[in-house]
Amino acid sequence: MIRHIALIDSQRGLAKDGDQPAHLKTDQAYFREKTMSSGGNVLMGRTTFDVIGVLKGRQNFVASHHLKASNDVTVVPDVATFLREFKEDVWIIGGAAIFSLTLQYADELYITKMEHDFGCDQFYPQYQEMFTLISTSEPLTEENIRYRFYVYRRKLT
């Protein structure tokens, strides 16, 4: 199963000046719990890797044509081929370009939506027409930011 997991603002904003608009402890714990489940495989873009580095306890795959593989990272030069051929579950964790490139392959989306516009300059792709909402958490508030966890599943065609 291919899943996206992202924290977005009310405008689908992912980042501003290369950083998430907020760092919510409950969302970070949710991210860790989810991405360590189902085999713990995560795929990220090179820029995201440059910002967050290796995620411990997970197999890290990085989409790049220039990065060198190491014991901690498997380099993925062709994301489409990787997603077609990889037989295990994988969590796609960003950034914006990787989310846009892989949305067509995603089975589920785990989206944390904040009820605030942070003026981001990187955005999550439009997804509402291709996915159906299957669960919503109760509203949470942290650092004066109200948010919810949403899970979407690809619509059957």
C-alpha atoms as a PDB file:
ATOM      1  CA  MET A   1       0.000   0.000   0.000  1.00  0.00           C
ATOM      2  CA  ILE A   2       1.239   3.470  -0.875  1.00  0.00           C
ATOM      3  CA  ARG A   3       0.334   6.200   1.586  1.00  0.00           C
ATOM      4  CA  HIS A   4       0.998   9.917   1.801  1.00  0.00           C
ATOM      5  CA  ILE A   5       1.367  11.565   5.177  1.00  0.00           C
ATOM      6  CA  ALA A   6       1.455  15.348   5.439  1.00  0.00           C
ATOM      7  CA  LEU A   7       0.778  18.338   7.661  1.00  0.00           C
ATOM      8  CA  ILE A   8      -0.960  21.103   5.701  1.00  0.00           C
ATOM      9  CA  ASP A   9      -2.489  24.466   6.434  1.00  0.00           C
ATOM     10  CA  SER A  10      -5.943  25.676   5.388  1.00  0.00           C
ATOM     11  CA  GLN A  11      -4.643  26.457   1.880  1.00  0.00           C
ATOM     12  CA  ARG A  12      -2.896  23.065   1.466  1.00  0.00           C
ATOM     13  CA  GLY A  13       0.394  24.760   2.381  1.00  0.00           C
ATOM     14  CA  LEU A  14       3.256  22.404   3.272  1.00  0.00           C
ATOM     15  CA  ALA A  15       6.202  24.698   3.842  1.00  0.00           C
ATOM     16  CA  LYS A  16       7.415  28.259   3.914  1.00  0.00           C
ATOM     17  CA  ASP A  17      11.045  29.063   3.229  1.00  0.00           C
ATOM     18  CA  GLY A  18      11.891  25.352   3.393  1.00  0.00           C
ATOM     19  CA  ASP A  19      10.305  24.595   6.774  1.00  0.00           C
ATOM     20  CA  GLN A  20       6.939  23.303   7.958  1.00  0.00           C
ATOM     21  CA  PRO A  21       4.611  26.098   9.041  1.00  0.00           C
ATOM     22  CA  ALA A  22       4.189  24.534  12.498  1.00  0.00           C
ATOM     23  CA  HIS A  23       5.738  21.795  14.618  1.00  0.00           C
ATOM     24  CA  LEU A  24       2.935  20.178  16.590  1.00  0.00           C
ATOM     25  CA  LYS A  25       4.072  17.539  19.082  1.00  0.00           C
ATOM     26  CA  THR A  26       0.911  15.471  18.740  1.00  0.00           C
ATOM     27  CA  ASP A  27       1.228  15.493  14.951  1.00  0.00           C
ATOM     28  CA  GLN A  28       4.913  14.544  15.195  1.00  0.00           C
ATOM     29  CA  ALA A  29       3.998  11.571  17.417  1.00  0.00           C
ATOM     30  CA  TYR A  30       1.243  10.594  14.942  1.00  0.00           C
ATOM     31  CA  PHE A  31       3.735  10.829  12.056  1.00  0.00           C
ATOM     32  CA  ARG A  32       6.258   8.681  13.912  1.00  0.00           C
ATOM     33  CA  GLU A  33       3.666   6.051  14.882  1.00  0.00           C
ATOM     34  CA  LYS A  34       2.258   5.778  11.363  1.00  0.00           C
ATOM     35  CA  THR A  35       5.567   5.770   9.478  1.00  0.00           C
ATOM     36  CA  MET A  36       7.081   3.148  11.780  1.00  0.00           C
ATOM     37  CA  SER A  37       4.150   0.815  11.097  1.00  0.00           C
ATOM     38  CA  SER A  38       3.670  -1.327   7.992  1.00  0.00           C
ATOM     39  CA  GLY A  39       7.352  -2.055   7.526  1.00  0.00           C
ATOM     40  CA  GLY A  40       8.597   1.433   8.283  1.00  0.00           C
ATOM     41  CA  ASN A  41       9.476   2.314   4.686  1.00  0.00           C
ATOM     42  CA  VAL A  42       9.539   6.048   3.915  1.00  0.00           C
ATOM     43  CA  LEU A  43      10.114   7.779   0.596  1.00  0.00           C
ATOM     44  CA  MET A  44      11.084  11.428   0.483  1.00  0.00           C
ATOM     45  CA  GLY A  45      12.501  13.927  -1.962  1.00  0.00           C
ATOM     46  CA  ARG A  46      16.076  15.147  -1.791  1.00  0.00           C
ATOM     47  CA  THR A  47      15.129  18.542  -0.335  1.00  0.00           C
ATOM     48  CA  THR A  48      13.094  16.916   2.426  1.00  0.00           C
ATOM     49  CA  PHE A  49      16.016  14.609   3.156  1.00  0.00           C
ATOM     50  CA  ASP A  50      18.362  17.602   3.331  1.00  0.00           C
ATOM     51  CA  VAL A  51      16.065  19.194   5.943  1.00  0.00           C
ATOM     52  CA  ILE A  52      15.164  16.198   8.136  1.00  0.00           C
ATOM     53  CA  GLY A  53      17.924  13.674   7.438  1.00  0.00           C
ATOM     54  CA  VAL A  54      17.622   9.980   8.182  1.00  0.00           C
ATOM     55  CA  LEU A  55      14.534   8.894  10.120  1.00  0.00           C
ATOM     56  CA  LYS A  56      15.661   6.352  12.681  1.00  0.00           C
ATOM     57  CA  GLY A  57      13.801   3.053  12.902  1.00  0.00           C
ATOM     58  CA  ARG A  58      12.642   3.267   9.289  1.00  0.00           C
ATOM     59  CA  GLN A  59      14.043   2.291   5.901  1.00  0.00           C
ATOM     60  CA  ASN A  60      14.771   5.621   4.195  1.00  0.00           C
ATOM     61  CA  PHE A  61      14.360   5.935   0.421  1.00  0.00           C
ATOM     62  CA  VAL A  62      15.366   9.238  -1.163  1.00  0.00           C
ATOM     63  CA  ALA A  63      14.383  10.293  -4.666  1.00  0.00           C
ATOM     64  CA  SER A  64      17.530  11.707  -6.241  1.00  0.00           C
ATOM     65  CA  HIS A  65      19.755  11.495  -9.281  1.00  0.00           C
ATOM     66  CA  HIS A  66      22.831  12.784  -7.449  1.00  0.00           C
ATOM     67  CA  LEU A  67      22.756  11.512  -3.863  1.00  0.00           C
ATOM     68  CA  LYS A  68      25.055   8.608  -3.041  1.00  0.00           C
ATOM     69  CA  ALA A  69      23.550   5.577  -1.304  1.00  0.00           C
ATOM     70  CA  SER A  70      24.703   4.755   2.222  1.00  0.00           C
ATOM     71  CA  ASN A  71      23.866   2.258   4.949  1.00  0.00           C
ATOM     72  CA  ASP A  72      21.088   4.602   6.087  1.00  0.00           C
ATOM     73  CA  VAL A  73      19.626   5.605   2.709  1.00  0.00           C
ATOM     74  CA  THR A  74      18.550   3.864  -0.477  1.00  0.00           C
ATOM     75  CA  VAL A  75      18.632   6.220  -3.444  1.00  0.00           C
ATOM     76  CA  VAL A  76      15.663   6.059  -5.828  1.00  0.00           C
ATOM     77  CA  PRO A  77      16.528   7.512  -9.247  1.00  0.00           C
ATOM     78  CA  ASP A  78      13.118   6.689 -10.787  1.00  0.00           C
ATOM     79  CA  VAL A  79      10.175   7.131  -8.427  1.00  0.00           C
ATOM     80  CA  ALA A  80       7.527   5.734 -10.798  1.00  0.00           C
ATOM     81  CA  THR A  81       9.471   2.507 -11.357  1.00  0.00           C
ATOM     82  CA  PHE A  82      10.195   2.219  -7.637  1.00  0.00           C
ATOM     83  CA  LEU A  83       6.511   2.515  -6.728  1.00  0.00           C
ATOM     84  CA  ARG A  84       5.434   0.018  -9.398  1.00  0.00           C
ATOM     85  CA  GLU A  85       8.056  -2.568  -8.394  1.00  0.00           C
ATOM     86  CA  PHE A  86       8.378  -2.124  -4.607  1.00  0.00           C
ATOM     87  CA  LYS A  87       6.250  -4.851  -3.016  1.00  0.00           C
ATOM     88  CA  GLU A  88       6.112  -3.541   0.562  1.00  0.00           C
ATOM     89  CA  ASP A  89       4.070  -0.732   2.068  1.00  0.00           C
ATOM     90  CA  VAL A  90       5.628   2.713   1.764  1.00  0.00           C
ATOM     91  CA  TRP A  91       4.891   6.099   3.333  1.00  0.00           C
ATOM     92  CA  ILE A  92       5.563   9.124   1.137  1.00  0.00           C
ATOM     93  CA  ILE A  93       6.536  12.000   3.402  1.00  0.00           C
ATOM     94  CA  GLY A  94       7.273  14.913   1.051  1.00  0.00           C
ATOM     95  CA  GLY A  95       8.040  17.414  -0.159  1.00  0.00           C
ATOM     96  CA  ALA A  96       5.676  19.116  -2.546  1.00  0.00           C
ATOM     97  CA  ALA A  97       7.266  17.808  -5.764  1.00  0.00           C
ATOM     98  CA  ILE A  98       7.264  14.186  -4.540  1.00  0.00           C
ATOM     99  CA  PHE A  99       3.663  14.478  -3.346  1.00  0.00           C
ATOM    100  CA  SER A 100       2.625  15.815  -6.772  1.00  0.00           C
ATOM    101  CA  LEU A 101       4.594  13.143  -8.628  1.00  0.00           C
ATOM    102  CA  THR A 102       3.242  10.259  -6.536  1.00  0.00           C
ATOM    103  CA  LEU A 103      -0.384  11.233  -5.873  1.00  0.00           C
ATOM    104  CA  GLN A 104      -1.490   9.081  -8.819  1.00  0.00           C
ATOM    105  CA  TYR A 105      -0.012   5.998  -7.078  1.00  0.00           C
ATOM    106  CA  ALA A 106      -1.319   6.685  -3.569  1.00  0.00           C
ATOM    107  CA  ASP A 107      -3.921   4.370  -2.054  1.00  0.00           C
ATOM    108  CA  GLU A 108      -4.449   6.410   1.124  1.00  0.00           C
ATOM    109  CA  LEU A 109      -3.713   9.899   2.403  1.00  0.00           C
ATOM    110  CA  TYR A 110      -3.069  10.721   6.058  1.00  0.00           C
ATOM    111  CA  ILE A 111      -3.506  14.476   6.187  1.00  0.00           C
ATOM    112  CA  THR A 112      -3.231  16.658   9.261  1.00  0.00           C
ATOM    113  CA  LYS A 113      -5.099  19.874   8.427  1.00  0.00           C
ATOM    114  CA  MET A 114      -4.509  23.031  10.412  1.00  0.00           C
ATOM    115  CA  GLU A 115      -7.270  25.637  10.459  1.00  0.00           C
ATOM    116  CA  HIS A 116      -4.931  28.511   9.681  1.00  0.00           C
ATOM    117  CA  ASP A 117      -3.247  30.001   6.602  1.00  0.00           C
ATOM    118  CA  PHE A 118       0.509  30.225   7.216  1.00  0.00           C
ATOM    119  CA  GLY A 119       1.342  31.911   3.889  1.00  0.00           C
ATOM    120  CA  CYS A 120       3.238  28.873   2.612  1.00  0.00           C
ATOM    121  CA  ASP A 121       5.162  28.795  -0.652  1.00  0.00           C
ATOM    122  CA  GLN A 122       5.017  24.989  -1.165  1.00  0.00           C
ATOM    123  CA  PHE A 123       1.673  23.203  -1.486  1.00  0.00           C
ATOM    124  CA  TYR A 124       0.146  19.755  -1.322  1.00  0.00           C
ATOM    125  CA  PRO A 125      -1.553  18.827  -4.636  1.00  0.00           C
ATOM    126  CA  GLN A 126      -5.317  18.909  -5.204  1.00  0.00           C
ATOM    127  CA  TYR A 127      -6.639  15.525  -4.059  1.00  0.00           C
ATOM    128  CA  GLN A 128     -10.319  15.881  -3.156  1.00  0.00           C
ATOM    129  CA  GLU A 129     -11.694  14.596  -6.470  1.00  0.00           C
ATOM    130  CA  MET A 130      -9.648  11.374  -6.389  1.00  0.00           C
ATOM    131  CA  PHE A 131     -10.067  10.440  -2.713  1.00  0.00           C
ATOM    132  CA  THR A 132     -12.914   9.809  -0.282  1.00  0.00           C
ATOM    133  CA  LEU A 133     -12.749  10.829   3.367  1.00  0.00           C
ATOM    134  CA  ILE A 134     -12.905   7.716   5.568  1.00  0.00           C
ATOM    135  CA  SER A 135     -12.119   9.137   9.023  1.00  0.00           C
ATOM    136  CA  THR A 136     -11.720  12.394  10.888  1.00  0.00           C
ATOM    137  CA  SER A 137     -10.394  12.961  14.383  1.00  0.00           C
ATOM    138  CA  GLU A 138     -11.920  15.254  16.943  1.00  0.00           C
ATOM    139  CA  PRO A 139     -10.469  18.771  16.765  1.00  0.00           C
ATOM    140  CA  LEU A 140      -7.200  19.270  18.628  1.00  0.00           C
ATOM    141  CA  THR A 141      -5.531  22.502  19.684  1.00  0.00           C
ATOM    142  CA  GLU A 142      -1.820  22.958  20.246  1.00  0.00           C
ATOM    143  CA  GLU A 143       0.215  26.174  20.284  1.00  0.00           C
ATOM    144  CA  ASN A 144      -3.079  28.013  19.591  1.00  0.00           C
ATOM    145  CA  ILE A 145      -3.461  26.056  16.340  1.00  0.00           C
ATOM    146  CA  ARG A 146      -6.612  24.029  15.798  1.00  0.00           C
ATOM    147  CA  TYR A 147      -6.232  20.922  13.623  1.00  0.00           C
ATOM    148  CA  ARG A 148      -7.593  17.460  12.838  1.00  0.00           C
ATOM    149  CA  PHE A 149      -6.279  14.182  11.465  1.00  0.00           C
ATOM    150  CA  TYR A 150      -7.987  13.053   8.258  1.00  0.00           C
ATOM    151  CA  VAL A 151      -7.647   9.764   6.392  1.00  0.00           C
ATOM    152  CA  TYR A 152      -8.678   9.473   2.746  1.00  0.00           C
ATOM    153  CA  ARG A 153      -8.896   6.425   0.485  1.00  0.00           C
ATOM    154  CA  ARG A 154      -8.662   6.455  -3.308  1.00  0.00           C
ATOM    155  CA  LYS A 155     -12.086   6.427  -4.952  1.00  0.00           C
ATOM    156  CA  LEU A 156     -12.991   3.306  -6.869  1.00  0.00           C
ATOM    157  CA  THR A 157     -13.540   4.046 -10.544  1.00  0.00           C
END
